[in-house]
Protein backbone atom coordinates (compact mmCIF):
# COMPACT_ATOMS: atom_id res chain seq x y z
CA MET A 1 21.73 -2.17 42.29
CA GLN A 2 25.15 -0.93 43.29
CA SER A 3 27.37 1.21 41.51
CA CYS A 4 29.10 -0.17 38.73
CA CYS A 5 32.42 1.46 39.43
CA GLY A 6 33.84 3.89 41.78
CA PHE A 7 32.80 6.82 39.22
CA CYS A 8 29.16 5.90 38.99
CA SER A 9 26.16 6.45 40.94
CA TYR A 10 23.52 4.85 38.54
CA GLN A 11 20.77 3.30 40.47
CA GLY A 12 17.70 1.59 38.31
CA ASP A 13 17.13 0.07 35.09
CA GLY A 14 18.86 0.80 32.57
CA ALA A 15 21.99 0.55 29.88
CA TYR A 16 25.57 1.29 29.81
CA ILE A 17 27.88 1.99 26.48
CA SER A 18 31.33 2.52 26.47
CA VAL A 19 32.31 5.58 24.86
CA ALA A 20 35.81 5.90 23.55
CA GLN A 21 36.60 9.69 25.02
CA GLY A 22 40.29 9.93 26.76
CA THR A 23 41.84 8.10 29.59
CA ASP A 24 39.59 9.06 32.34
CA PRO A 25 37.29 6.19 33.75
CA ARG A 26 34.54 8.34 34.33
CA HIS A 27 34.10 9.07 30.58
CA ARG A 28 34.25 5.63 29.19
CA LEU A 29 31.09 4.87 30.67
CA ARG A 30 27.35 6.47 29.21
CA HIS A 31 23.96 5.90 31.01
CA ILE A 32 21.40 5.17 28.09
CA SER A 33 18.22 5.83 30.09
CA PRO A 34 15.13 2.84 29.82
CA THR A 35 12.86 5.73 27.88
CA LEU A 36 15.63 6.45 25.45
CA CYS A 37 16.14 2.60 25.18
CA THR A 38 12.47 1.89 24.63
CA ARG A 39 12.30 4.61 21.85
CA ARG A 40 14.85 3.48 20.03
CA GLU A 41 13.60 -0.45 20.49
CA GLN A 42 10.24 1.63 19.42
CA ASN A 43 11.65 2.93 16.17
CA THR A 44 14.00 0.10 15.24
CA GLN A 45 10.72 -1.61 15.17
CA ALA A 46 8.70 0.67 13.11
CA ALA A 47 10.85 0.52 10.58
CA ILE A 48 11.24 -2.72 10.26
CA MET A 49 7.49 -3.02 10.39
CA ASN A 50 7.18 -0.22 7.20
CA GLN A 51 10.08 -1.96 5.38
CA GLN A 52 7.60 -4.94 5.79
CA GLN A 53 4.90 -3.21 4.74
CA MET A 54 6.30 -1.87 1.60
CA MET A 55 7.02 -5.46 0.41
CA ASP A 56 3.47 -6.70 1.20
CA GLN A 57 2.26 -4.23 -1.32
CA ARG A 58 4.62 -4.89 -3.79
CA GLY A 59 3.46 -8.73 -3.45
CA GLN A 60 -0.14 -7.39 -3.59
CA TRP A 61 -0.06 -5.30 -6.81
CA ARG A 62 1.92 -6.18 -9.85
CA ILE A 63 1.79 -5.64 -13.40
CA THR A 64 3.58 -6.04 -16.50
CA VAL A 65 3.25 -3.83 -19.53
CA PHE A 66 4.43 -4.32 -23.16
CA GLU A 67 5.29 -1.77 -26.06
CA GLU A 68 3.86 -4.42 -28.37
CA GLU A 69 0.70 -6.40 -28.90
CA TYR A 70 0.54 -10.20 -27.53
CA PHE A 71 3.25 -9.23 -24.87
CA GLN A 72 6.07 -8.53 -27.45
CA GLY A 73 8.69 -5.93 -27.13
CA LYS A 74 10.18 -4.20 -24.56
CA ARG A 75 8.47 -4.82 -20.89
CA CYS A 76 8.59 -3.31 -17.50
CA GLU A 77 7.16 -4.87 -14.11
CA PHE A 78 5.49 -2.30 -11.74
CA SER A 79 4.10 -2.64 -7.91
CA LEU A 80 3.59 0.98 -7.46
CA GLU A 81 1.89 4.03 -9.30
CA CYS A 82 3.56 4.67 -12.97
CA PRO A 83 2.22 8.85 -13.51
CA ASN A 84 3.81 8.79 -16.81
CA ILE A 85 5.28 5.70 -18.81
CA LEU A 86 7.06 7.69 -21.58
CA GLU A 87 9.58 8.63 -18.79
CA ARG A 88 10.54 4.83 -18.64
CA ASN A 89 11.79 5.31 -22.47
CA PHE A 90 8.25 3.51 -23.75
CA GLN A 91 6.57 4.70 -26.88
CA LYS A 92 3.33 3.04 -26.32
CA ILE A 93 1.47 0.16 -24.45
CA ARG A 94 0.14 -2.50 -26.64
CA SER A 95 -0.40 -5.46 -24.10
CA ILE A 96 -0.89 -5.76 -20.49
CA LYS A 97 0.01 -8.78 -17.59
CA VAL A 98 -2.06 -8.33 -14.05
CA ASP A 99 -0.63 -10.53 -11.96
CA ASN A 100 -1.79 -9.38 -8.70
CA GLY A 101 -4.57 -6.69 -7.73
CA PRO A 102 -6.89 -4.59 -9.95
CA TRP A 103 -5.36 -1.39 -11.48
CA VAL A 104 -6.59 1.61 -13.43
CA GLY A 105 -5.16 2.59 -16.49
CA TYR A 106 -5.69 6.11 -17.86
CA GLU A 107 -5.49 7.49 -21.59
CA TYR A 108 -2.93 10.81 -20.39
CA PRO A 109 0.12 10.96 -18.27
CA GLU A 110 -0.58 12.08 -14.84
CA PHE A 111 -3.90 9.88 -14.12
CA GLN A 112 -5.92 11.85 -16.92
CA GLY A 113 -8.50 10.83 -19.63
CA GLN A 114 -10.13 8.06 -20.00
CA GLN A 115 -10.09 5.45 -17.25
CA PHE A 116 -9.89 1.53 -18.02
CA ILE A 117 -10.06 -0.81 -15.53
CA LEU A 118 -7.75 -3.46 -15.24
CA GLU A 119 -8.25 -6.48 -13.20
CA LYS A 120 -6.18 -9.64 -12.92
CA GLY A 121 -5.50 -11.69 -16.22
CA ASP A 122 -4.34 -11.00 -19.83
CA TYR A 123 -4.80 -8.43 -22.16
CA PRO A 124 -3.15 -8.74 -25.30
CA CYS A 125 -4.19 -5.57 -26.97
CA TYR A 126 -5.68 -2.43 -26.37
CA GLU A 127 -9.10 -3.76 -27.40
CA ALA A 128 -9.19 -6.04 -24.62
CA TRP A 129 -9.24 -3.12 -21.96
CA SER A 130 -10.79 -0.52 -23.78
CA GLY A 131 -13.69 -2.45 -24.54
CA ASN A 132 -17.06 -1.69 -26.32
CA SER A 133 -16.46 2.03 -26.06
CA SER A 134 -17.95 4.76 -27.90
CA TYR A 135 -14.44 6.47 -27.56
CA ARG A 136 -11.87 3.89 -28.00
CA THR A 137 -8.61 4.84 -28.06
CA GLU A 138 -5.13 3.09 -28.35
CA HIS A 139 -3.14 5.13 -25.57
CA MET A 140 -2.60 4.14 -21.99
CA LEU A 141 0.18 6.30 -20.67
CA SER A 142 -0.25 6.39 -16.89
CA PHE A 143 -1.79 3.53 -14.15
CA ARG A 144 -2.06 2.95 -10.69
CA PRO A 145 -3.25 0.08 -8.52
CA VAL A 146 -6.77 0.12 -7.12
CA LYS A 147 -5.75 -0.34 -3.34
CA CYS A 148 -9.53 0.07 -1.38
CA ALA A 149 -11.15 -3.13 -3.58
CA ASN A 150 -13.11 -5.74 -1.65
CA HIS A 151 -15.55 -7.62 -3.90
CA SER A 152 -16.96 -9.18 -0.95
CA ASP A 153 -18.12 -6.01 0.98
CA SER A 154 -18.76 -3.47 -1.41
CA LYS A 155 -21.52 -0.84 -0.99
CA VAL A 156 -22.80 2.46 -3.26
CA THR A 157 -25.50 4.93 -2.79
CA LEU A 158 -26.76 6.48 -6.31
CA TYR A 159 -28.56 9.82 -5.89
CA GLU A 160 -31.06 11.43 -8.59
CA CYS A 161 -29.61 15.02 -7.86
CA GLN A 162 -26.35 16.38 -7.58
CA ASP A 163 -24.50 17.11 -4.48
CA PHE A 164 -26.67 13.86 -3.14
CA GLN A 165 -29.93 15.28 -3.18
CA GLY A 166 -33.69 13.49 -4.41
CA ARG A 167 -33.96 10.02 -4.45
CA LYS A 168 -31.49 7.88 -3.56
CA PHE A 169 -30.56 3.69 -4.09
CA GLU A 170 -28.34 1.61 -2.08
CA ILE A 171 -26.68 -1.24 -4.12
CA CYS A 172 -24.48 -3.85 -3.22
CA ASP A 173 -24.34 -5.99 -5.97
CA ASP A 174 -23.76 -5.58 -9.80
CA TYR A 175 -26.01 -4.44 -12.11
CA PRO A 176 -25.71 -4.85 -16.00
CA SER A 177 -28.80 -2.48 -16.33
CA LEU A 178 -29.62 0.05 -13.46
CA GLN A 179 -33.08 0.78 -15.56
CA ALA A 180 -33.79 -2.62 -15.80
CA MET A 181 -33.67 -3.12 -11.75
CA GLY A 182 -36.01 0.15 -10.75
CA TRP A 183 -33.44 3.26 -11.84
CA CYS A 184 -36.12 5.22 -13.83
CA SER A 185 -33.31 7.60 -15.48
CA LYS A 186 -30.28 7.08 -17.55
CA GLU A 187 -28.22 9.64 -15.49
CA VAL A 188 -26.65 9.46 -11.93
CA PRO A 189 -25.78 13.14 -11.14
CA SER A 190 -24.11 11.98 -7.69
CA ILE A 191 -22.56 8.97 -6.69
CA LYS A 192 -21.36 8.01 -2.79
CA ILE A 193 -19.21 5.06 -2.29
CA ASN A 194 -19.79 3.92 1.14
CA SER A 195 -17.16 0.76 0.57
CA GLY A 196 -14.95 -0.69 -1.89
CA ALA A 197 -14.73 0.45 -5.49
CA TRP A 198 -16.75 0.39 -8.13
CA VAL A 199 -16.48 0.70 -12.35
CA ALA A 200 -19.96 3.06 -13.55
CA TYR A 201 -20.75 2.46 -17.01
CA GLN A 202 -22.41 5.20 -19.48
CA PHE A 203 -24.12 2.31 -21.28
CA PRO A 204 -26.41 -1.04 -20.07
CA GLY A 205 -23.84 -4.12 -20.64
CA TYR A 206 -20.37 -2.29 -19.04
CA ARG A 207 -20.04 -0.53 -22.34
CA GLY A 208 -19.15 2.96 -22.89
CA TYR A 209 -17.08 4.94 -20.83
CA GLN A 210 -15.91 3.55 -17.52
CA TYR A 211 -15.50 5.37 -14.13
CA ILE A 212 -13.63 4.01 -11.38
CA LEU A 213 -15.21 5.53 -7.98
CA GLU A 214 -13.20 4.56 -4.74
CA ARG A 215 -13.88 4.82 -1.24
CA ASP A 216 -10.17 6.17 -0.44
CA ARG A 217 -10.40 9.01 -2.96
CA ARG A 218 -12.36 12.10 -2.33
CA GLN A 219 -13.59 9.99 0.96
CA GLY A 220 -15.92 8.43 -2.02
CA GLU A 221 -17.83 11.48 -2.59
CA PHE A 222 -18.52 12.05 -5.93
CA ARG A 223 -20.95 15.06 -5.78
CA ASN A 224 -21.72 15.32 -9.52
CA TYR A 225 -20.39 13.68 -12.83
CA ASN A 226 -17.46 16.33 -13.21
CA GLU A 227 -16.01 14.13 -10.31
CA PHE A 228 -16.48 10.66 -12.01
CA GLY A 229 -13.06 11.55 -13.82
CA THR A 230 -11.41 14.07 -16.51
CA GLN A 231 -13.12 12.32 -19.26
CA ALA A 232 -16.69 12.40 -17.64
CA HIS A 233 -18.94 14.19 -20.30
CA THR A 234 -22.07 13.45 -19.11
CA ASN A 235 -23.99 12.08 -15.90
CA GLN A 236 -25.18 9.19 -17.95
CA VAL A 237 -24.95 5.50 -15.52
CA GLN A 238 -26.70 2.40 -16.85
CA SER A 239 -24.89 0.00 -15.58
CA ILE A 240 -22.51 -0.66 -12.39
CA ARG A 241 -20.33 -2.98 -10.80
CA ARG A 242 -17.48 -4.20 -8.17
CA VAL A 243 -14.05 -4.10 -8.85
CA GLN A 244 -12.62 -7.89 -8.77
CA GLN A 245 -10.10 -8.22 -6.74
């Protein structure tokens, strides 16, 4: 390629941009190398993709919480986790609408205390999400989306002893009673989530404490019952099911 002016000796591909520096023509053009052009294009494309991913995520997970029962009073919509609803000038949460994606709610701020699975649907009062728990609480002060749920591709391995020792049993379906399907104990000391997200329950029939166990938490490895959740005081697990998307 020929020089574009008497002051340039540019050969090859690339670009020139104008630079307003003085009156010397040699200062009015600056060469941008092909590598720099490509890098800028890549950075721009990456920024666009990141923005699109954030928009997609906001559409994929959406929950609305209400300060009073039956969807009354102050309300607030979320598409991302909420570590402490009190910081949003809420005194309490008494009803919930889950529009998209499964969520997990927690009794206390910073994702502590008893856990509650929140799948798509309406929860007009706290009994609707606390279920048949032997320790029923009105409090739910933090919540976050469950991002790895995959109902059609979920697999979990139960172990007879902690640290993934002893007899093991791999399942990929919902079981309202583990003993009825052949598990010989009321206890499951360790669990490995191979794929998806699961809810383990203290008692048969999906009752009692809930433990939301996810593949993308702790790399899916729960070596003892203390890792099931901050409220886990026993290794009793007698029913388990896949999280609904």
